[in-house]
Amino acid sequence: MDKLLARVTEEPLSVAEHEAAVADKAAGAVVSFAGVVRDHDGGRSVTELEYVGHPTAPELIAEIAAEFAARPEVHAVAVSHRVGLLAIGDVALACAVSTSHRGQAFAACAELVDEVKARLPIWKRQVFSDGEEEWVACP
């Protein structure tokens, strides 16, 4: 089994696939996360989202995943970010981390989500029910 899975894709994401990708006989804990498209933001109704990634996004998500996979307490890492037009309820970010102990897995998974959100050059266009739109996380 590979120690990491990292991708930026237009395909729907499955958290279960990410959990399976980090399965390891030495792992006593697998923690996963699904970042799901919600129907509201800032008190306004959201009807759809579009994520647009910079051409370097696949390289950078692989770099981030490798940093986490290199940690001695981490057995395996899987992380994917979806791009394109997403509907309410779709998974935009899926990740899973396996470690020997639950505290390490919770901490690593939370840190992984934060690092991806901070460093990955992917921007979000929100469309509101009144027809207005806004770009979020644009530099």
Foldseek 3Di string as FASTA:
>chain_A
DDQEAEFEEQDFDDLVVQQVQNDDPLFPDKDKDFDFAAQDDPHFGFFKKFKDFDPCQRVVRVVLLVVLSPDPFWRHKYKYAYGGIDGGGTTGIMMMTTGNDDVVRVVSNVVSVVCCLVPGRMKMWTATPVGDIDIPPDD
